[in-house]
Amino acid sequence: MGEMPVAADLLHGATTQRAVLNFPVSGRPVPPQLIEAYLLLKRCCAEANRELGNLSAAKARAIIDACDEMLGSFRGKGSPTGVAELMRHFPIDVFQTGSGTSTNMNVNEVIANVAARRAGKAIGSRDVVHPNDDVNASQSSNDTFPTASQVAGAAMITERLLPALSRLAAALEKKAKAWDRIVKVGRTHLMDATPIRMGQVFSGFAAAAREGERRAKAAVEALASNLPIGGTAVGTGINAHPRFGSMVATKLSSSLGIRFRETRNHFEAQATRDCVVEASGNLRTIAVSLSKIANDIRLLGSGPRCGLGELSLPATQPGSSIMPGKVNPVICESVIMVSAQVIGNDTAISIGGLGGVGSLLELNVAMPMIADNLIESISLLANACGMFVDRCIDGLEVNERTATGMVERSLMMCTALAPVIGYDRAAKLAKEAFASGQTVRELALEQKLVDAKSLDRLLDPTAMTKPGGKGPGGG
């Protein structure tokens, strides 16, 4: 395609520079986590090619050493260049060629040039390794880009999201245990319901976080068990050894401690991004759970005088530029916004995976966008969980007097009387108590519906938070 000027201080080549000029869309390059996974993948490919006789030991060593130098920047092992400096050499916009060919060639060119520089050769020299013939040996953009995306996602979930969810669950479990004796009014449809213990409420939050762990593990499995590597252009494996894909998967597993496997069917793995759609669906569900927890906590903390006021949230910053002393549930709001973004990312991923949109015949052509959204969702969820624990959950306090003070006044105390006096009479009692301003207990004693001793037993708030009794449940 002719000459293409490239700045002398950059390590990429002409193909990358053309892509930079072709895709001035968002100004947002592919995420560093994807580049890190790509470098690890190229390293493993070089090892496999050497063992299979597709690369000389010298060329394989040059590729491996170049990858290790750059991976050191990501892993903080004293590399002379940090991640920010390294990422200057990977400038291509997320919204690029749908197969990720531009990024694959960007990685190939940078590896080749780092290898040349390490050997004392000029940038652009192909005497050490060739970006296509050597760095890309036995590979195609069509199998490396989706593989790198899946590796990045699986590694991020394992290293960041799962520990964050575990911390959140543990923090919620701690509150559930500490507050298990505190009985409060339950609410359904935002209306008064039968009593519930604050510990039970938080046990539900904790269980949702533990379910999030399970879903995150399922997302890792979806990503790790279906690597397209070895399929090359259209899934047939042309120009690759039959054992190449499985060997690379094994090497990736050894490097990251995650059980990666070559796909059972390369045609499915390269024609679709269904495994990422599945993983993203699990992330979306985690986001929905987090939003529910955050929203309930901010509602229970509403007030401090004119809301529910059952919880006190940590004061993290002034809440208003005009109302002095106002403090808002800003951490909960941040978590809810993260949840909305993750749900939006999942929608984009799903659309990218649709036949006729991203998935066309033998290849998905929305892969960079899909990868970017997947990585952002994982990062946002992990960060939000950590923030939620550190700046909200750990500092939560129960306003016990407020939480327990309304239990006796709840009209739904009559639910425990229904098995004794019948549903219709209990409903009438609740209406009469509301009209008179009396409690259910006071009115039941006044009308002599139940003797005092039986009434104390039936209207014991703590007993009402446990299974037992007869009659219909609430609704």
Protein backbone atom coordinates (compact mmCIF):
# COMPACT_ATOMS: atom_id res chain seq x y z
CA MET A 1 0.00 0.00 0.00
CA GLY A 2 3.00 2.28 -0.30
CA GLU A 3 5.07 4.12 2.26
CA MET A 4 3.64 5.17 5.64
CA PRO A 5 5.59 7.54 7.91
CA VAL A 6 5.83 6.40 11.53
CA ALA A 7 7.32 8.50 14.34
CA ALA A 8 10.85 7.36 15.12
CA ASP A 9 10.16 6.95 18.84
CA LEU A 10 7.30 4.49 18.32
CA LEU A 11 7.68 0.72 18.24
CA HIS A 12 4.77 -0.09 15.97
CA GLY A 13 4.90 -0.18 12.18
CA ALA A 14 3.07 0.89 9.05
CA THR A 15 0.04 -1.37 9.48
CA THR A 16 -0.62 0.07 12.93
CA GLN A 17 -0.16 3.63 11.69
CA ARG A 18 -2.69 3.09 8.90
CA ALA A 19 -5.19 1.84 11.46
CA VAL A 20 -4.59 4.89 13.65
CA LEU A 21 -5.40 7.12 10.69
CA ASN A 22 -8.34 5.01 9.55
CA PHE A 23 -10.19 4.86 12.89
CA PRO A 24 -10.25 8.28 14.60
CA VAL A 25 -13.47 7.36 16.43
CA SER A 26 -13.40 7.40 20.23
CA GLY A 27 -9.84 8.32 21.10
CA ARG A 28 -9.90 5.28 23.38
CA PRO A 29 -7.38 2.56 22.52
CA VAL A 30 -7.96 -1.10 23.29
CA PRO A 31 -7.55 -1.69 27.04
CA PRO A 32 -4.17 -2.57 28.56
CA GLN A 33 -5.55 -5.83 29.93
CA LEU A 34 -6.16 -7.04 26.38
CA ILE A 35 -2.64 -6.09 25.29
CA GLU A 36 -1.18 -7.90 28.32
CA ALA A 37 -3.18 -11.04 27.44
CA TYR A 38 -2.12 -10.73 23.79
CA LEU A 39 1.56 -10.57 24.73
CA LEU A 40 1.20 -13.65 26.92
CA LEU A 41 -0.61 -15.43 24.09
CA LYS A 42 2.15 -14.54 21.59
CA ARG A 43 4.74 -15.82 24.06
CA CYS A 44 2.92 -19.15 24.41
CA CYS A 45 2.51 -19.39 20.63
CA ALA A 46 6.24 -18.89 20.15
CA GLU A 47 6.98 -21.68 22.62
CA ALA A 48 4.54 -24.02 20.90
CA ASN A 49 5.92 -23.19 17.46
CA ARG A 50 9.45 -23.89 18.64
CA GLU A 51 8.46 -27.27 20.10
CA LEU A 52 6.58 -28.16 16.91
CA GLY A 53 9.52 -27.17 14.70
CA ASN A 54 7.76 -24.17 13.15
CA LEU A 55 10.24 -21.65 14.57
CA SER A 56 13.95 -21.83 15.15
CA ALA A 57 15.10 -21.71 18.73
CA ALA A 58 16.72 -18.32 18.12
CA LYS A 59 13.59 -16.72 16.71
CA ALA A 60 11.37 -18.20 19.37
CA ARG A 61 13.76 -16.95 22.05
CA ALA A 62 13.74 -13.45 20.55
CA ILE A 63 9.90 -13.37 20.60
CA ILE A 64 9.72 -14.77 24.13
CA ASP A 65 12.26 -12.29 25.48
CA ALA A 66 10.51 -9.36 23.78
CA CYS A 67 7.18 -10.43 25.27
CA ASP A 68 8.72 -10.92 28.71
CA GLU A 69 10.22 -7.43 28.63
CA MET A 70 6.82 -5.88 27.96
CA LEU A 71 4.93 -8.19 30.30
CA GLY A 72 7.30 -7.01 33.01
CA SER A 73 5.82 -3.53 32.63
CA PHE A 74 2.36 -4.86 33.40
CA ARG A 75 3.56 -6.96 36.31
CA GLY A 76 5.74 -4.31 37.90
CA LYS A 77 8.97 -6.27 37.67
CA GLY A 78 11.33 -3.38 37.22
CA SER A 79 10.92 -2.89 33.48
CA PRO A 80 12.36 0.45 32.35
CA THR A 81 8.99 1.42 30.90
CA GLY A 82 5.75 1.55 32.80
CA VAL A 83 2.34 0.53 31.50
CA ALA A 84 1.44 4.08 30.42
CA GLU A 85 4.67 4.41 28.44
CA LEU A 86 4.23 0.97 26.91
CA MET A 87 0.65 1.66 25.86
CA ARG A 88 1.87 4.55 23.66
CA HIS A 89 2.88 1.85 21.21
CA PHE A 90 -0.64 0.34 21.12
CA PRO A 91 -2.70 3.35 20.03
CA ILE A 92 -5.42 1.84 17.80
CA ASP A 93 -8.99 2.83 18.58
CA VAL A 94 -11.42 0.28 20.01
CA PHE A 95 -13.76 0.91 17.08
CA GLN A 96 -11.52 -0.56 14.40
CA THR A 97 -11.67 -3.51 12.04
CA GLY A 98 -14.20 -5.92 13.52
CA SER A 99 -11.86 -8.90 13.53
CA GLY A 100 -9.22 -7.09 15.56
CA THR A 101 -6.70 -7.52 12.73
CA SER A 102 -5.34 -4.03 13.37
CA THR A 103 -4.56 -4.82 16.99
CA ASN A 104 -3.12 -8.24 16.16
CA MET A 105 -0.74 -6.65 13.68
CA ASN A 106 0.02 -3.86 16.17
CA VAL A 107 1.13 -6.50 18.68
CA ASN A 108 3.11 -8.40 16.02
CA GLU A 109 4.92 -5.24 14.90
CA VAL A 110 5.79 -4.10 18.41
CA ILE A 111 7.11 -7.53 19.39
CA ALA A 112 9.24 -7.66 16.23
CA ASN A 113 10.63 -4.19 16.87
CA VAL A 114 11.37 -4.86 20.54
CA ALA A 115 13.20 -8.01 19.44
CA ALA A 116 15.15 -5.97 16.89
CA ARG A 117 16.05 -3.34 19.47
CA ARG A 118 17.20 -5.98 21.95
CA ALA A 119 19.47 -7.41 19.25
CA GLY A 120 20.94 -3.99 18.48
CA LYS A 121 19.13 -3.68 15.17
CA ALA A 122 17.24 -0.66 13.86
CA ILE A 123 13.52 -0.28 14.56
CA GLY A 124 11.75 -1.64 11.49
CA SER A 125 14.41 -4.25 10.82
CA ARG A 126 13.03 -7.71 10.14
CA ASP A 127 16.37 -9.48 10.43
CA VAL A 128 15.61 -10.84 13.91
CA VAL A 129 11.93 -11.81 13.57
CA HIS A 130 9.26 -10.97 10.99
CA PRO A 131 5.92 -9.69 12.37
CA ASN A 132 3.87 -11.93 10.05
CA ASP A 133 6.09 -14.90 9.27
CA ASP A 134 7.44 -15.42 12.80
CA VAL A 135 5.44 -13.58 15.48
CA ASN A 136 2.17 -14.54 13.77
CA ALA A 137 3.26 -18.07 12.81
CA SER A 138 0.42 -20.63 12.97
CA GLN A 139 -2.00 -17.82 13.82
CA SER A 140 -4.60 -15.46 12.42
CA SER A 141 -6.24 -12.37 13.84
CA ASN A 142 -9.42 -14.41 13.65
CA ASP A 143 -8.31 -16.86 16.32
CA THR A 144 -5.81 -14.80 18.34
CA PHE A 145 -7.99 -11.77 19.02
CA PRO A 146 -10.91 -13.75 20.49
CA THR A 147 -8.47 -15.95 22.40
CA ALA A 148 -6.68 -12.95 23.90
CA SER A 149 -10.05 -11.41 24.81
CA GLN A 150 -11.15 -14.56 26.61
CA VAL A 151 -7.81 -14.92 28.39
CA ALA A 152 -7.98 -11.30 29.56
CA GLY A 153 -11.54 -11.71 30.81
CA ALA A 154 -10.90 -15.00 32.61
CA ALA A 155 -7.75 -13.64 34.26
CA MET A 156 -9.42 -10.41 35.40
CA ILE A 157 -12.40 -12.24 36.90
CA THR A 158 -10.11 -14.67 38.70
CA GLU A 159 -7.60 -12.13 39.96
CA ARG A 160 -9.85 -9.14 40.67
CA LEU A 161 -13.59 -9.74 40.61
CA LEU A 162 -13.77 -12.99 42.56
CA PRO A 163 -11.69 -11.67 45.49
CA ALA A 164 -13.77 -8.46 45.50
CA LEU A 165 -17.04 -10.38 45.61
CA SER A 166 -15.67 -12.60 48.39
CA ARG A 167 -14.75 -9.52 50.45
CA LEU A 168 -18.20 -8.05 49.90
CA ALA A 169 -19.92 -11.27 50.93
CA ALA A 170 -17.77 -11.57 54.05
CA ALA A 171 -18.49 -7.96 55.06
CA LEU A 172 -22.23 -8.49 54.63
CA GLU A 173 -22.10 -11.78 56.54
CA LYS A 174 -20.37 -9.98 59.41
CA LYS A 175 -23.20 -7.44 59.60
CA ALA A 176 -25.81 -10.20 59.34
CA LYS A 177 -24.32 -11.99 62.34
CA ALA A 178 -23.91 -8.82 64.41
CA TRP A 179 -27.48 -7.65 63.78
CA ASP A 180 -29.35 -10.93 63.96
CA ARG A 181 -31.14 -10.07 67.22
CA ILE A 182 -32.55 -6.76 65.92
CA VAL A 183 -36.20 -7.12 64.85
CA LYS A 184 -37.58 -4.54 62.43
CA VAL A 185 -40.61 -4.05 60.23
CA GLY A 186 -40.52 -5.99 57.00
CA ARG A 187 -41.78 -4.27 53.88
CA THR A 188 -43.30 -5.56 50.67
CA HIS A 189 -44.56 -3.26 47.90
CA LEU A 190 -42.98 -0.53 50.09
CA MET A 191 -45.79 -1.19 52.59
CA ASP A 192 -45.58 -2.55 56.13
CA ALA A 193 -45.27 -6.35 56.32
CA THR A 194 -44.55 -8.89 59.03
CA PRO A 195 -41.41 -8.44 61.21
CA ILE A 196 -37.98 -9.47 60.00
CA ARG A 197 -34.58 -9.36 61.67
CA MET A 198 -31.99 -6.95 60.32
CA GLY A 199 -29.59 -9.89 60.31
CA GLN A 200 -31.95 -11.77 58.01
CA VAL A 201 -32.04 -8.81 55.62
CA PHE A 202 -28.26 -8.70 55.46
CA SER A 203 -28.01 -12.48 55.18
CA GLY A 204 -29.98 -12.10 51.97
CA PHE A 205 -27.54 -9.46 50.73
CA ALA A 206 -24.62 -11.73 51.64
CA ALA A 207 -26.19 -14.70 49.87
CA ALA A 208 -26.61 -12.57 46.74
CA ALA A 209 -22.89 -11.73 46.87
CA ARG A 210 -22.02 -15.43 47.26
CA GLU A 211 -24.24 -16.19 44.28
CA GLY A 212 -22.24 -13.52 42.48
CA GLU A 213 -19.09 -15.52 43.19
CA ARG A 214 -20.72 -18.60 41.69
CA ARG A 215 -21.77 -16.66 38.60
CA ALA A 216 -18.29 -15.15 38.23
CA LYS A 217 -16.79 -18.65 38.32
CA ALA A 218 -19.28 -19.71 35.65
CA ALA A 219 -18.16 -16.75 33.55
CA VAL A 220 -14.53 -17.87 33.86
CA GLU A 221 -15.51 -21.36 32.75
CA ALA A 222 -17.39 -20.02 29.72
CA LEU A 223 -14.36 -17.99 28.64
CA ALA A 224 -11.64 -20.52 29.47
CA SER A 225 -13.20 -23.67 28.03
CA ASN A 226 -13.64 -22.48 24.46
CA LEU A 227 -10.39 -20.95 23.14
CA PRO A 228 -10.40 -20.45 19.35
CA ILE A 229 -6.60 -20.61 19.05
CA GLY A 230 -5.54 -23.11 16.41
CA GLY A 231 -8.43 -22.39 14.07
CA THR A 232 -6.49 -19.70 12.14
CA ALA A 233 -8.51 -17.99 9.40
CA VAL A 234 -11.93 -19.66 9.34
CA GLY A 235 -11.65 -22.50 11.85
CA THR A 236 -10.04 -25.07 9.55
CA GLY A 237 -6.59 -24.67 11.13
CA ILE A 238 -4.85 -23.96 7.83
CA ASN A 239 -1.10 -23.22 8.33
CA ALA A 240 -1.18 -24.50 11.92
CA HIS A 241 -0.10 -27.85 13.36
CA PRO A 242 -3.09 -29.94 14.60
CA ARG A 243 -1.66 -29.89 18.14
CA PHE A 244 -0.88 -26.17 18.15
CA GLY A 245 -4.13 -24.98 19.78
CA SER A 246 -4.09 -27.49 22.60
CA MET A 247 -0.41 -26.82 23.31
CA VAL A 248 -1.00 -23.07 23.55
CA ALA A 249 -3.99 -23.61 25.85
CA THR A 250 -1.85 -25.77 28.14
CA LYS A 251 0.87 -23.13 28.28
CA LEU A 252 -1.67 -20.41 29.07
CA SER A 253 -3.02 -22.59 31.87
CA SER A 254 0.45 -22.98 33.36
CA SER A 255 1.09 -19.24 33.17
CA LEU A 256 -2.15 -18.08 34.79
CA GLY A 257 -3.33 -21.00 36.90
CA ILE A 258 -6.63 -21.14 35.03
CA ARG A 259 -7.71 -24.27 33.16
CA PHE A 260 -7.84 -23.10 29.54
CA ARG A 261 -8.92 -25.53 26.82
CA GLU A 262 -8.92 -25.42 23.07
CA THR A 263 -12.46 -25.29 21.72
CA ARG A 264 -14.14 -28.53 20.70
CA ASN A 265 -15.39 -26.86 17.52
CA HIS A 266 -13.40 -24.05 15.92
CA PHE A 267 -16.18 -23.13 13.54
CA GLU A 268 -18.51 -22.24 16.40
CA ALA A 269 -15.77 -20.55 18.42
CA GLN A 270 -14.76 -18.21 15.58
CA ALA A 271 -18.14 -17.62 13.98
CA THR A 272 -19.73 -16.54 17.27
CA ARG A 273 -18.91 -14.81 20.52
CA ASP A 274 -21.52 -16.80 22.41
CA CYS A 275 -19.09 -17.70 25.21
CA VAL A 276 -18.51 -13.99 25.88
CA VAL A 277 -22.24 -13.29 25.68
CA GLU A 278 -22.72 -16.02 28.29
CA ALA A 279 -20.00 -14.63 30.54
CA SER A 280 -21.37 -11.11 30.19
CA GLY A 281 -24.82 -12.37 31.14
CA ASN A 282 -23.38 -13.59 34.43
CA LEU A 283 -21.70 -10.21 34.97
CA ARG A 284 -25.00 -8.49 34.24
CA THR A 285 -26.72 -10.60 36.90
CA ILE A 286 -24.01 -9.68 39.40
CA ALA A 287 -24.63 -6.02 38.54
CA VAL A 288 -28.36 -6.44 39.12
CA SER A 289 -27.67 -7.98 42.55
CA LEU A 290 -25.30 -5.16 43.51
CA SER A 291 -27.85 -2.56 42.47
CA LYS A 292 -30.52 -4.21 44.61
CA ILE A 293 -28.24 -4.29 47.66
CA ALA A 294 -27.09 -0.70 47.22
CA ASN A 295 -30.60 0.58 46.61
CA ASP A 296 -32.04 -1.18 49.67
CA ILE A 297 -29.25 0.13 51.89
CA ARG A 298 -29.74 3.72 50.77
CA LEU A 299 -33.51 3.39 51.27
CA LEU A 300 -33.09 1.93 54.77
CA GLY A 301 -30.70 4.80 55.48
CA SER A 302 -32.98 7.53 54.16
CA GLY A 303 -33.56 10.43 56.50
CA PRO A 304 -31.99 11.01 58.91
CA ARG A 305 -35.26 12.24 60.46
CA CYS A 306 -37.88 12.18 57.76
CA GLY A 307 -37.11 8.86 56.06
CA LEU A 308 -36.86 5.26 57.23
CA GLY A 309 -33.66 5.97 59.13
CA GLU A 310 -33.05 2.37 60.18
CA LEU A 311 -29.42 2.47 59.03
CA SER A 312 -26.76 5.15 59.33
CA LEU A 313 -24.45 5.25 56.32
CA PRO A 314 -20.89 6.56 56.68
CA ALA A 315 -20.58 10.26 55.90
CA THR A 316 -18.07 10.39 53.07
CA GLN A 317 -18.51 13.93 51.75
CA PRO A 318 -20.82 16.98 51.94
CA GLY A 319 -24.04 16.20 50.13
CA SER A 320 -25.17 19.58 48.92
CA SER A 321 -23.77 22.89 47.74
CA ILE A 322 -26.81 24.73 49.15
CA MET A 323 -28.15 22.67 52.06
CA PRO A 324 -25.71 22.75 55.01
CA GLY A 325 -25.15 19.49 56.86
CA LYS A 326 -26.73 17.30 54.20
CA VAL A 327 -25.06 13.93 53.63
CA ASN A 328 -26.05 11.71 50.72
CA PRO A 329 -25.67 7.96 50.06
CA VAL A 330 -23.09 8.64 47.36
CA ILE A 331 -21.32 5.28 47.54
CA CYS A 332 -24.60 3.46 46.95
CA GLU A 333 -25.32 5.80 44.05
CA SER A 334 -21.94 5.04 42.51
CA VAL A 335 -22.57 1.29 42.76
CA ILE A 336 -25.99 1.72 41.13
CA MET A 337 -24.45 3.68 38.25
CA VAL A 338 -21.81 0.99 37.79
CA SER A 339 -24.60 -1.57 37.61
CA ALA A 340 -26.38 0.44 34.94
CA GLN A 341 -23.18 0.68 32.90
CA VAL A 342 -22.52 -3.06 33.15
CA ILE A 343 -26.08 -3.79 32.02
CA GLY A 344 -25.53 -1.41 29.08
CA ASN A 345 -22.24 -3.12 28.26
CA ASP A 346 -24.01 -6.47 28.28
CA THR A 347 -26.54 -5.12 25.80
CA ALA A 348 -23.74 -3.97 23.50
CA ILE A 349 -22.03 -7.36 23.80
CA SER A 350 -25.28 -9.16 23.02
CA ILE A 351 -25.90 -7.01 19.95
CA GLY A 352 -22.29 -7.59 18.88
CA GLY A 353 -22.88 -11.32 19.10
CA LEU A 354 -26.07 -11.30 17.04
CA GLY A 355 -26.13 -12.99 13.66
CA GLY A 356 -26.29 -10.32 10.99
CA VAL A 357 -24.66 -7.73 13.24
CA GLY A 358 -21.36 -9.00 14.65
CA SER A 359 -21.55 -12.71 13.81
CA LEU A 360 -21.42 -13.13 10.04
CA LEU A 361 -20.74 -16.48 8.38
CA GLU A 362 -17.31 -17.72 9.55
CA LEU A 363 -16.32 -14.75 11.72
CA ASN A 364 -17.62 -12.31 14.30
CA VAL A 365 -16.76 -8.76 13.26
CA ALA A 366 -17.57 -6.86 16.44
CA MET A 367 -14.81 -8.38 18.54
CA PRO A 368 -12.90 -5.25 19.66
CA MET A 369 -16.09 -3.63 20.96
CA ILE A 370 -17.15 -6.86 22.66
CA ALA A 371 -13.74 -7.27 24.31
CA ASP A 372 -13.65 -3.66 25.48
CA ASN A 373 -17.08 -3.90 27.09
CA LEU A 374 -16.28 -7.22 28.74
CA ILE A 375 -13.08 -5.87 30.26
CA GLU A 376 -14.76 -2.66 31.40
CA SER A 377 -17.60 -4.57 33.06
CA ILE A 378 -15.20 -6.77 35.03
CA SER A 379 -13.09 -3.81 36.10
CA LEU A 380 -16.09 -1.70 37.14
CA LEU A 381 -17.66 -4.51 39.16
CA ALA A 382 -14.40 -5.33 40.94
CA ASN A 383 -13.73 -1.68 41.77
CA ALA A 384 -17.31 -1.06 42.86
CA CYS A 385 -17.30 -4.05 45.22
CA GLY A 386 -14.11 -2.88 46.88
CA MET A 387 -15.39 0.69 47.23
CA PHE A 388 -18.73 -0.56 48.59
CA VAL A 389 -17.02 -2.53 51.34
CA ASP A 390 -14.43 0.10 52.29
CA ARG A 391 -16.60 3.21 52.17
CA CYS A 392 -20.06 1.94 53.03
CA ILE A 393 -20.60 -1.60 54.32
CA ASP A 394 -17.80 -1.63 56.92
CA GLY A 395 -19.03 1.66 58.40
CA LEU A 396 -22.76 0.90 58.43
CA GLU A 397 -24.55 1.21 61.74
CA VAL A 398 -28.07 0.25 62.79
CA ASN A 399 -30.27 2.85 64.43
CA GLU A 400 -31.72 0.17 66.68
CA ARG A 401 -34.27 2.38 68.39
CA THR A 402 -35.70 3.49 65.06
CA ALA A 403 -35.57 0.01 63.53
CA THR A 404 -37.31 -1.73 66.43
CA GLY A 405 -39.55 1.13 67.51
CA MET A 406 -42.08 0.73 64.73
CA VAL A 407 -42.56 -3.03 65.02
CA GLU A 408 -45.25 -2.83 67.67
CA ARG A 409 -47.16 -0.23 65.64
CA SER A 410 -47.14 -2.32 62.48
CA LEU A 411 -50.65 -3.34 61.43
CA MET A 412 -49.25 -6.51 59.92
CA MET A 413 -48.77 -7.90 63.41
CA CYS A 414 -52.30 -9.14 62.83
CA THR A 415 -50.90 -11.83 60.53
CA ALA A 416 -49.98 -13.94 63.55
CA LEU A 417 -53.58 -13.70 64.78
CA ALA A 418 -55.13 -14.90 61.52
CA PRO A 419 -54.74 -18.63 62.35
CA VAL A 420 -56.61 -18.00 65.63
CA ILE A 421 -59.33 -15.46 64.74
CA GLY A 422 -59.46 -16.00 60.97
CA TYR A 423 -58.22 -13.94 58.05
CA ASP A 424 -61.34 -11.78 57.68
CA ARG A 425 -61.48 -10.83 61.37
CA ALA A 426 -57.74 -10.13 61.41
CA ALA A 427 -58.09 -7.88 58.36
CA LYS A 428 -60.93 -6.00 60.03
CA LEU A 429 -58.82 -5.64 63.16
CA ALA A 430 -55.98 -4.08 61.16
CA LYS A 431 -58.35 -1.54 59.58
CA GLU A 432 -59.88 -0.66 62.91
CA ALA A 433 -56.45 -0.24 64.50
CA PHE A 434 -55.38 2.06 61.69
CA ALA A 435 -58.52 4.16 62.02
CA SER A 436 -58.24 4.45 65.80
CA GLY A 437 -54.48 4.89 65.99
CA GLN A 438 -54.19 1.94 68.34
CA THR A 439 -51.84 -1.00 67.98
CA VAL A 440 -53.12 -4.42 66.98
CA ARG A 441 -52.25 -5.66 70.47
CA GLU A 442 -54.19 -2.89 72.20
CA LEU A 443 -57.29 -3.35 70.10
CA ALA A 444 -57.24 -7.15 70.33
CA LEU A 445 -57.10 -6.90 74.14
CA GLU A 446 -59.84 -4.28 74.18
CA GLN A 447 -62.11 -6.47 72.09
CA LYS A 448 -61.10 -9.57 74.07
CA LEU A 449 -60.36 -11.51 70.91
CA VAL A 450 -57.49 -13.39 72.57
CA ASP A 451 -56.45 -13.59 76.22
CA ALA A 452 -53.42 -11.54 77.26
CA LYS A 453 -51.08 -14.49 77.75
CA SER A 454 -51.89 -15.97 74.34
CA LEU A 455 -51.61 -12.55 72.74
CA ASP A 456 -48.10 -12.06 74.12
CA ARG A 457 -47.12 -15.43 72.66
CA LEU A 458 -48.74 -14.78 69.28
CA LEU A 459 -47.43 -11.24 68.93
CA ASP A 460 -43.84 -11.95 69.97
CA PRO A 461 -41.92 -10.09 67.22
CA THR A 462 -38.87 -12.37 67.35
CA ALA A 463 -41.01 -15.51 67.08
CA MET A 464 -42.68 -13.96 64.04
CA THR A 465 -39.32 -13.89 62.23
CA LYS A 466 -39.06 -17.70 62.37
CA PRO A 467 -40.89 -20.51 60.60
CA GLY A 468 -43.89 -21.96 62.39
CA GLY A 469 -47.53 -21.33 63.17
CA LYS A 470 -50.53 -22.07 61.04
CA GLY A 471 -52.63 -20.29 58.48
CA PRO A 472 -51.91 -18.52 55.21
CA GLY A 473 -48.70 -16.67 54.55
CA GLY A 474 -48.59 -13.02 53.65
CA GLY A 475 -49.08 -11.76 50.13
